[in-house]
Amino acid sequence: MVGVLLLLGLMPLAAGELLAQLCGNGGNYTANGTYQSNFAGIAATLPSNTSSSPDLFATATAGQAPDAVYALALCRGDVPNATA
């Protein structure tokens, strides 16, 4: 067991590449419905909330089930700022 732990400590860390993740394809949501409104609200505020937080990390929740939207974001130091 100690040998395994020592070997794990010697393994190099992989460089971060993933910039976004989308989980789940389930659900049938109405266009211009409550879920879409909740999602749009979080999408509009989460980036600025994240970049202005001391930890560069933020979470958000909007709405109630079944139309609830949960999000989390992390600003990464190894990725340049996006430009529009």
Protein backbone atom coordinates (compact mmCIF):
# COMPACT_ATOMS: atom_id res chain seq x y z
CA MET A 1 0.00 0.00 0.00
CA VAL A 2 2.80 2.42 0.86
CA GLY A 3 4.51 1.61 -2.43
CA VAL A 4 1.36 2.44 -4.38
CA LEU A 5 1.00 5.77 -2.59
CA LEU A 6 4.62 6.64 -3.30
CA LEU A 7 4.21 5.81 -6.99
CA LEU A 8 1.09 7.94 -7.22
CA GLY A 9 3.04 10.84 -5.74
CA LEU A 10 5.64 10.56 -8.51
CA MET A 11 3.16 10.62 -11.39
CA PRO A 12 3.02 13.95 -13.26
CA LEU A 13 -0.22 15.87 -13.16
CA ALA A 14 -2.05 16.12 -16.45
CA ALA A 15 -2.51 19.59 -17.89
CA GLY A 16 -6.08 20.87 -17.77
CA GLU A 17 -7.79 20.90 -21.13
CA LEU A 18 -11.50 20.69 -20.42
CA LEU A 19 -13.15 24.11 -20.62
CA ALA A 20 -16.79 23.08 -20.49
CA GLN A 21 -18.89 20.08 -19.58
CA LEU A 22 -22.53 19.39 -20.36
CA CYS A 23 -24.14 16.47 -18.57
CA GLY A 24 -27.38 14.81 -19.45
CA ASN A 25 -29.54 14.94 -22.52
CA GLY A 26 -32.77 14.01 -20.79
CA GLY A 27 -35.79 16.19 -20.46
CA ASN A 28 -38.22 17.88 -22.75
CA TYR A 29 -38.35 21.61 -22.14
CA THR A 30 -40.71 24.08 -23.72
CA ALA A 31 -39.21 26.92 -25.73
CA ASN A 32 -39.56 30.23 -23.87
CA GLY A 33 -40.60 28.28 -20.77
CA THR A 34 -39.63 28.58 -17.12
CA TYR A 35 -36.55 26.37 -17.44
CA GLN A 36 -35.20 28.44 -20.32
CA SER A 37 -35.78 31.63 -18.34
CA ASN A 38 -33.98 30.19 -15.30
CA PHE A 39 -31.10 29.02 -17.49
CA ALA A 40 -30.78 32.39 -19.22
CA GLY A 41 -30.69 34.19 -15.87
CA ILE A 42 -27.85 32.05 -14.57
CA ALA A 43 -25.96 32.21 -17.87
CA ALA A 44 -26.12 36.01 -17.76
CA THR A 45 -24.87 36.43 -14.18
CA LEU A 46 -22.59 33.47 -13.41
CA PRO A 47 -19.52 34.61 -15.41
CA SER A 48 -19.32 38.00 -13.69
CA ASN A 49 -20.09 36.50 -10.28
CA THR A 50 -17.26 34.02 -10.79
CA SER A 51 -14.64 36.47 -12.02
CA SER A 52 -15.40 38.92 -9.20
CA SER A 53 -15.25 36.36 -6.37
CA PRO A 54 -12.00 36.14 -4.34
CA ASP A 55 -11.73 32.40 -5.07
CA LEU A 56 -12.70 32.78 -8.74
CA PHE A 57 -15.42 30.18 -8.05
CA ALA A 58 -19.19 30.59 -7.90
CA THR A 59 -22.36 28.53 -7.71
CA ALA A 60 -25.90 29.50 -8.61
CA THR A 61 -29.41 28.12 -8.38
CA ALA A 62 -32.51 29.44 -10.11
CA GLY A 63 -36.09 28.26 -9.92
CA GLN A 64 -37.73 25.26 -8.35
CA ALA A 65 -38.11 21.66 -9.54
CA PRO A 66 -38.83 20.52 -12.15
CA ASP A 67 -37.53 23.72 -13.77
CA ALA A 68 -34.60 24.30 -11.41
CA VAL A 69 -31.18 25.12 -12.86
CA TYR A 70 -27.99 24.48 -10.89
CA ALA A 71 -24.63 25.78 -12.04
CA LEU A 72 -21.06 26.16 -10.88
CA ALA A 73 -18.12 27.90 -12.48
CA LEU A 74 -14.41 28.26 -11.95
CA CYS A 75 -12.10 30.78 -13.62
CA ARG A 76 -8.88 29.08 -14.64
CA GLY A 77 -5.51 30.78 -14.59
CA ASP A 78 -4.13 28.67 -17.45
CA VAL A 79 -6.64 29.89 -20.04
CA PRO A 80 -6.56 33.37 -21.62
CA ASN A 81 -9.59 35.64 -21.35
CA ALA A 82 -12.23 35.09 -24.02
CA THR A 83 -12.81 37.87 -26.51
CA ALA A 84 -16.06 38.58 -28.25
